[in-house]
Structures are given as C-alpha cells and as structure tokens.
Amino acid sequence: MKKFGEKLRALRKRDGLSLRQLGDMLGIHHSHIGKIELNQKTPNAAMITKIAQLFNVSFDQLMNDELELD
C-alpha cells in the first residue's frame, strides 16, 4: 500500500480534480486528501472503496503496489 497516495494523486489529476473537489466528492476535508496523497494518513476500507468506485478502478489496483492503474 506504499503507492496508494501516488495512485490517488494520479487518478485525481487524470480527472482534472482539485484536492478540494475530490474532498467534497468523498465527504472529507481537502487537507485530509493531501495527507493521504503524501502517505501521511491511511484511509479506512470504506474510504478506499469509495475512491475505487469514484475512479472506476478495483480495490486491488489501489491496494496492491504491484498492480498498475488502467
């Protein structure tokens, strides 16, 4: 899960979203998103599921460092 934040940032940027926009979509403060992207915070399973659904990627793609994003 070391690459989770990196993957989240790539997905957010791919979709042209700001930290604030993504935070609003997920119902959390934008600074929390920034900390997740910097691997300073770890999201819970429910948040990871929301992120996977929002960006249409699998839970496994987000969690497994060996799997790349589509």
Protein backbone atom coordinates (compact mmCIF):
# COMPACT_ATOMS: atom_id res chain seq x y z
CA MET A 1 0.00 0.00 0.00
CA LYS A 2 3.05 2.26 -0.18
CA LYS A 3 1.93 3.58 -3.56
CA PHE A 4 -1.68 4.31 -2.57
CA GLY A 5 -1.16 8.06 -2.25
CA GLU A 6 0.73 8.18 -5.52
CA LYS A 7 -2.09 6.32 -7.25
CA LEU A 8 -4.73 8.57 -5.72
CA ARG A 9 -2.90 11.68 -6.91
CA ALA A 10 -2.54 10.22 -10.42
CA LEU A 11 -6.27 9.44 -10.57
CA ARG A 12 -7.24 12.87 -9.25
CA LYS A 13 -5.02 14.63 -11.76
CA ARG A 14 -6.16 12.36 -14.59
CA ASP A 15 -9.72 13.52 -13.96
CA GLY A 16 -8.68 17.15 -13.52
CA LEU A 17 -9.88 17.39 -9.92
CA SER A 18 -8.50 19.68 -7.26
CA LEU A 19 -7.94 18.48 -3.71
CA ARG A 20 -10.99 20.48 -2.66
CA GLN A 21 -13.20 18.98 -5.38
CA LEU A 22 -12.17 15.43 -4.52
CA GLY A 23 -12.63 16.10 -0.81
CA ASP A 24 -16.15 17.38 -1.48
CA MET A 25 -16.95 14.31 -3.57
CA LEU A 26 -15.70 11.98 -0.83
CA GLY A 27 -17.14 13.98 2.05
CA ILE A 28 -13.80 14.71 3.71
CA HIS A 29 -11.66 17.82 4.10
CA HIS A 30 -9.28 18.57 1.24
CA SER A 31 -6.30 18.66 3.59
CA HIS A 32 -7.02 15.05 4.53
CA ILE A 33 -6.84 14.11 0.83
CA GLY A 34 -3.47 15.86 0.61
CA LYS A 35 -2.19 13.88 3.59
CA ILE A 36 -3.39 10.63 2.04
CA GLU A 37 -1.58 11.52 -1.20
CA LEU A 38 1.60 12.18 0.78
CA ASN A 39 1.18 8.87 2.66
CA GLN A 40 0.86 10.73 5.96
CA LYS A 41 -2.65 9.33 6.53
CA THR A 42 -4.09 5.92 5.72
CA PRO A 43 -7.71 5.73 4.58
CA ASN A 44 -10.02 3.09 6.02
CA ALA A 45 -11.55 0.32 3.92
CA ALA A 46 -14.80 2.25 3.40
CA MET A 47 -12.92 5.28 2.03
CA ILE A 48 -10.79 3.09 -0.25
CA THR A 49 -13.97 1.51 -1.59
CA LYS A 50 -15.47 4.97 -2.25
CA ILE A 51 -12.31 6.05 -4.06
CA ALA A 52 -12.26 2.87 -6.16
CA GLN A 53 -15.89 3.37 -7.17
CA LEU A 54 -15.44 7.06 -7.90
CA PHE A 55 -12.50 6.47 -10.23
CA ASN A 56 -13.80 3.17 -11.61
CA VAL A 57 -10.77 1.11 -10.56
CA SER A 58 -10.63 -2.03 -8.47
CA PHE A 59 -9.93 -2.08 -4.75
CA ASP A 60 -7.00 -4.39 -5.55
CA GLN A 61 -5.48 -1.92 -8.02
CA LEU A 62 -5.42 0.72 -5.30
CA MET A 63 -4.13 -1.52 -2.52
CA ASN A 64 -1.61 -3.73 -4.29
CA ASP A 65 1.62 -1.90 -5.09
CA GLU A 66 2.46 -4.39 -7.84
CA LEU A 67 -0.74 -3.67 -9.77
CA GLU A 68 -0.79 -0.65 -12.05
CA LEU A 69 -3.79 1.55 -12.75
CA ASP A 70 -5.60 1.13 -16.06
